[in-house]
Amino acid sequence: MKLLKNFRVWILLIFLVFAIISISPSNQEGVAIRGVTPESAADDGGLFSPAKNSRPLDYEVILSVNGNRVKNVNEYYAAVEDLVANDTISIRTDQTSYFLTVQPEVEIIPTNNTITREVEEVIQEDVNGTVVNKTVVRTITENETITNVIGVQDLGLSVSDAATSNIRKGLDLEGGVRVLLQPDEQVDQETMDRVKDGLEQRLNAFGLNDVVIRVSGDCLYAER
């Protein structure tokens, strides 16, 4: 009883309660969507990368593929390894369902033959001082090509096992990549900030929103 009357014990208990709420432990199964490649089947199907600096438990989680339960990364890749070009697959997440069309991987082989075809082209003409658009048909000659389907493209999803808490693990525990970038010559802080912003935009264009870029002195650290 004396222990419970000690205000330091109450402060510790309150701290522990808030720590548990902040960590939000969970036993959630599935795979978390870490990134979506632009112009991929996943992007066309309406999936998107998580917002910058999202908490691990805020990531959208894939629960099943074509009705088959997905509990971890291995089961996810097993579910998508035998996809057929132009097939439609269903992906159910903890938020909604998506339908993706598998995109074919093609190779284009040029031939020695030439083909002639007609194409429409819009040109502008001056008619009594007024510029108007006019559609004309042109005949063009080009080399004939053969298009072969050689497989299927990746769905464009970067995934990991669903998080069980909001604790962010370091590279030594979770794994990943760290890159150190250092300019060849001394630059000011404004230039470093512009480089940082440029790198973030380029990486985001590839669906890598969970890359953390930090400026430290005259170096840039990129971690994923």
Protein backbone atom coordinates (compact mmCIF):
# COMPACT_ATOMS: atom_id res chain seq x y z
CA MET A 1 0.00 0.00 0.00
CA LYS A 2 2.87 2.36 0.80
CA LEU A 3 4.23 1.66 -2.66
CA LEU A 4 1.00 2.85 -4.29
CA LYS A 5 1.13 6.08 -2.29
CA ASN A 6 4.51 6.95 -3.77
CA PHE A 7 3.92 9.56 -6.53
CA ARG A 8 6.97 8.29 -8.41
CA VAL A 9 5.31 4.91 -8.81
CA TRP A 10 2.19 6.56 -10.24
CA ILE A 11 4.31 8.57 -12.68
CA LEU A 12 5.99 5.34 -13.78
CA LEU A 13 2.64 3.58 -14.22
CA ILE A 14 1.24 6.48 -16.24
CA PHE A 15 4.36 6.51 -18.40
CA LEU A 16 4.03 2.76 -19.04
CA VAL A 17 0.36 3.12 -20.03
CA PHE A 18 1.13 5.91 -22.50
CA ALA A 19 4.07 3.90 -23.87
CA ILE A 20 1.83 0.89 -24.54
CA ILE A 21 -0.80 3.09 -26.21
CA SER A 22 1.87 4.71 -28.37
CA ILE A 23 3.41 1.38 -29.39
CA SER A 24 -0.06 -0.10 -30.07
CA PRO A 25 0.94 -3.78 -30.00
CA SER A 26 -0.93 -5.93 -32.52
CA ASN A 27 -0.97 -9.53 -33.75
CA GLN A 28 -2.01 -8.53 -37.27
CA GLU A 29 -1.20 -10.94 -40.11
CA GLY A 30 -0.66 -10.09 -43.76
CA VAL A 31 1.84 -7.98 -45.69
CA ALA A 32 2.15 -4.22 -45.45
CA ILE A 33 2.35 -2.11 -48.61
CA ARG A 34 5.60 -0.14 -48.38
CA GLY A 35 5.56 1.35 -51.87
CA VAL A 36 3.76 1.36 -55.23
CA THR A 37 5.64 1.76 -58.52
CA PRO A 38 4.12 4.44 -60.78
CA GLU A 39 2.47 3.20 -64.00
CA SER A 40 2.43 -0.38 -62.70
CA ALA A 41 -0.56 -2.71 -62.44
CA ALA A 42 -0.89 -1.78 -58.76
CA ASP A 43 -0.83 1.94 -59.57
CA ASP A 44 -3.41 1.51 -62.34
CA GLY A 45 -5.57 -0.53 -59.96
CA GLY A 46 -5.80 2.29 -57.41
CA LEU A 47 -3.21 1.28 -54.81
CA PHE A 48 -0.84 3.95 -53.53
CA SER A 49 2.26 4.34 -51.40
CA PRO A 50 1.83 5.17 -47.71
CA ALA A 51 2.10 8.80 -46.69
CA LYS A 52 5.53 10.08 -45.75
CA ASN A 53 6.51 9.24 -42.17
CA SER A 54 3.46 7.01 -41.64
CA ARG A 55 3.55 4.84 -38.53
CA PRO A 56 4.13 1.11 -39.22
CA LEU A 57 0.59 0.19 -38.13
CA ASP A 58 -0.86 2.81 -40.49
CA TYR A 59 0.37 0.95 -43.60
CA GLU A 60 -2.35 -0.67 -45.69
CA VAL A 61 -2.14 -4.45 -45.23
CA ILE A 62 -2.83 -7.07 -47.90
CA LEU A 63 -4.91 -9.90 -46.43
CA SER A 64 -5.60 -12.09 -49.47
CA VAL A 65 -4.82 -12.51 -53.18
CA ASN A 66 -7.51 -14.08 -55.37
CA GLY A 67 -9.31 -15.19 -52.23
CA ASN A 68 -6.24 -16.98 -50.82
CA ARG A 69 -5.22 -15.85 -47.36
CA VAL A 70 -1.80 -14.16 -47.19
CA LYS A 71 -0.12 -14.20 -43.77
CA ASN A 72 3.45 -13.18 -44.59
CA VAL A 73 5.79 -12.10 -47.39
CA ASN A 74 6.58 -15.66 -48.47
CA GLU A 75 2.89 -16.48 -48.91
CA TYR A 76 2.35 -13.23 -50.84
CA TYR A 77 5.11 -13.99 -53.37
CA ALA A 78 3.87 -17.58 -53.69
CA ALA A 79 0.40 -16.21 -54.51
CA VAL A 80 1.66 -13.94 -57.31
CA GLU A 81 4.43 -16.04 -58.84
CA ASP A 82 2.28 -17.79 -61.49
CA LEU A 83 0.36 -14.81 -62.86
CA VAL A 84 -0.69 -14.79 -66.51
CA ALA A 85 -0.56 -11.70 -68.72
CA ASN A 86 -3.84 -9.76 -69.02
CA ASP A 87 -5.49 -11.77 -66.23
CA THR A 88 -7.40 -9.87 -63.55
CA ILE A 89 -6.53 -10.61 -59.94
CA SER A 90 -8.25 -9.45 -56.77
CA ILE A 91 -6.37 -8.09 -53.77
CA ARG A 92 -8.18 -7.56 -50.48
CA THR A 93 -6.63 -5.32 -47.86
CA ASP A 94 -7.67 -4.21 -44.39
CA GLN A 95 -9.23 -1.15 -46.06
CA THR A 96 -10.88 -2.27 -49.32
CA SER A 97 -10.59 -4.56 -52.36
CA TYR A 98 -8.73 -3.91 -55.61
CA PHE A 99 -8.76 -5.52 -59.03
CA LEU A 100 -5.50 -5.46 -60.99
CA THR A 101 -4.82 -6.38 -64.61
CA VAL A 102 -1.52 -8.19 -65.01
CA GLN A 103 0.62 -6.35 -67.55
CA PRO A 104 2.60 -8.41 -70.10
CA GLU A 105 6.36 -8.11 -70.48
CA VAL A 106 7.07 -7.78 -74.21
CA GLU A 107 10.06 -7.62 -76.52
CA ILE A 108 9.93 -5.74 -79.81
CA ILE A 109 11.97 -7.27 -82.63
CA PRO A 110 12.66 -5.12 -85.73
CA THR A 111 12.54 -6.76 -89.16
CA ASN A 112 13.94 -5.86 -92.56
CA ASN A 113 10.45 -5.40 -93.97
CA THR A 114 8.79 -2.01 -94.33
CA ILE A 115 5.11 -1.21 -93.99
CA THR A 116 3.06 1.75 -95.13
CA ARG A 117 0.22 3.14 -93.05
CA GLU A 118 -1.91 6.25 -92.82
CA VAL A 119 -1.97 8.49 -89.78
CA GLU A 120 -4.11 11.48 -88.93
CA GLU A 121 -2.40 14.71 -87.97
CA VAL A 122 -3.84 18.01 -86.77
CA ILE A 123 -2.28 21.10 -88.34
CA GLN A 124 -3.07 24.79 -88.02
CA GLU A 125 -4.01 26.93 -91.01
CA ASP A 126 -4.59 30.65 -91.42
CA VAL A 127 -8.02 31.20 -92.94
CA ASN A 128 -8.75 34.87 -93.59
CA GLY A 129 -6.65 35.88 -90.61
CA THR A 130 -8.09 33.22 -88.31
CA VAL A 131 -6.05 30.23 -87.17
CA VAL A 132 -8.07 27.02 -87.46
CA ASN A 133 -7.23 23.39 -86.79
CA LYS A 134 -7.38 21.01 -89.73
CA THR A 135 -7.05 17.24 -89.73
CA VAL A 136 -4.96 15.78 -92.56
CA VAL A 137 -4.03 12.22 -93.40
CA ARG A 138 -0.38 11.42 -94.02
CA THR A 139 1.14 8.25 -95.40
CA ILE A 140 4.26 7.07 -93.59
CA THR A 141 6.64 4.20 -94.20
CA GLU A 142 8.35 2.49 -91.29
CA ASN A 143 10.14 -0.71 -90.39
CA GLU A 144 7.88 -3.59 -89.45
CA THR A 145 8.32 -5.00 -85.94
CA ILE A 146 7.28 -8.21 -84.23
CA THR A 147 6.00 -8.03 -80.65
CA ASN A 148 6.47 -11.12 -78.48
CA VAL A 149 5.09 -11.63 -74.98
CA ILE A 150 7.96 -13.04 -72.90
CA GLY A 151 6.39 -12.95 -69.46
CA VAL A 152 4.57 -10.65 -67.08
CA GLN A 153 5.59 -7.44 -65.39
CA ASP A 154 5.88 -7.15 -61.64
CA LEU A 155 2.69 -5.90 -60.00
CA GLY A 156 4.63 -2.91 -58.70
CA LEU A 157 4.15 -3.56 -54.99
CA SER A 158 6.92 -3.30 -52.41
CA VAL A 159 5.80 -5.23 -49.33
CA SER A 160 6.97 -6.42 -45.93
CA ASP A 161 5.47 -8.47 -43.13
CA ALA A 162 2.71 -6.54 -41.35
CA ALA A 163 3.97 -4.62 -38.33
CA THR A 164 3.03 -5.84 -34.87
CA SER A 165 3.70 -2.46 -33.22
CA ASN A 166 4.63 1.13 -34.04
CA ILE A 167 8.22 0.60 -32.95
CA ARG A 168 10.59 1.46 -35.80
CA LYS A 169 13.50 -0.96 -35.90
CA GLY A 170 16.95 0.18 -36.95
CA LEU A 171 18.90 -1.23 -39.87
CA ASP A 172 20.80 -3.54 -37.51
CA LEU A 173 17.51 -5.33 -36.60
CA GLU A 174 15.22 -4.92 -39.60
CA GLY A 175 17.80 -4.75 -42.37
CA GLY A 176 17.83 -2.34 -45.29
CA VAL A 177 20.21 -0.02 -47.06
CA ARG A 178 22.04 3.10 -45.92
CA VAL A 179 23.73 5.38 -48.43
CA LEU A 180 26.11 8.22 -47.56
CA LEU A 181 26.35 11.03 -50.12
CA GLN A 182 29.00 13.72 -49.81
CA PRO A 183 29.56 16.56 -52.31
CA ASP A 184 32.97 16.96 -53.93
CA GLU A 185 33.19 20.55 -52.75
CA GLN A 186 31.89 22.63 -49.87
CA VAL A 187 28.25 23.74 -50.33
CA ASP A 188 25.93 25.88 -48.23
CA GLN A 189 22.89 24.68 -46.28
CA GLU A 190 20.45 25.97 -48.90
CA THR A 191 22.09 23.84 -51.59
CA MET A 192 22.02 20.76 -49.33
CA ASP A 193 18.31 21.29 -48.67
CA ARG A 194 17.62 21.56 -52.42
CA VAL A 195 19.55 18.34 -53.05
CA LYS A 196 17.59 16.61 -50.26
CA ASP A 197 14.25 17.78 -51.71
CA GLY A 198 15.31 16.68 -55.20
CA LEU A 199 16.28 13.20 -53.99
CA GLU A 200 12.99 12.78 -52.15
CA GLN A 201 11.01 13.73 -55.27
CA ARG A 202 12.99 11.33 -57.45
CA LEU A 203 12.65 8.46 -54.97
CA ASN A 204 8.94 9.15 -54.52
CA ALA A 205 8.55 8.91 -58.31
CA PHE A 206 9.62 5.26 -57.98
CA GLY A 207 7.15 4.61 -55.16
CA LEU A 208 9.82 4.65 -52.44
CA ASN A 209 8.05 6.87 -49.93
CA ASP A 210 9.56 5.15 -46.91
CA VAL A 211 13.10 6.31 -47.68
CA VAL A 212 14.39 8.58 -44.92
CA ILE A 213 16.85 11.27 -46.03
CA ARG A 214 18.70 13.31 -43.41
CA VAL A 215 21.23 16.12 -43.69
CA SER A 216 24.13 15.83 -41.27
CA GLY A 217 26.86 18.38 -41.63
CA ASP A 218 28.11 18.24 -45.22
CA CYS A 219 26.65 14.75 -45.89
CA LEU A 220 23.29 13.24 -46.84
CA TYR A 221 22.14 9.97 -45.27
CA ALA A 222 19.50 7.92 -47.12
CA GLU A 223 18.02 4.89 -45.34
CA ARG A 224 15.41 2.34 -46.33
